Amino acid sequence: MQQVTPTRKTMTLNLTEAEMKALEELSSTKEISKTAVLRQALRLYQMLEARIARGEKLFFEHDVTKQKAELMVL
């Protein structure tokens, strides 16, 4: 079976200095390219949007106190 490579498109992205620093830090920490970081972020955002659209909520829970905080996505 022959694999089909998805067509890719190029775009220019303008980031603030702080956003670029954050992207570079994530890229370095995760040992992946900046492009890979942005692709992962996009997939995560898509997943969050889909789950929120189904009426689900996202919470962070503290390991010790078990206190929960809901993440609000705009």
Foldseek 3Di string as FASTA:
>chain_A
DDDDDDDDDDDDDDDDPVVVVVLVVVCVVVVHDSVVVVVVVVVVVVVVVVCVVVVDWDWDADPPPRDIDTDDDD
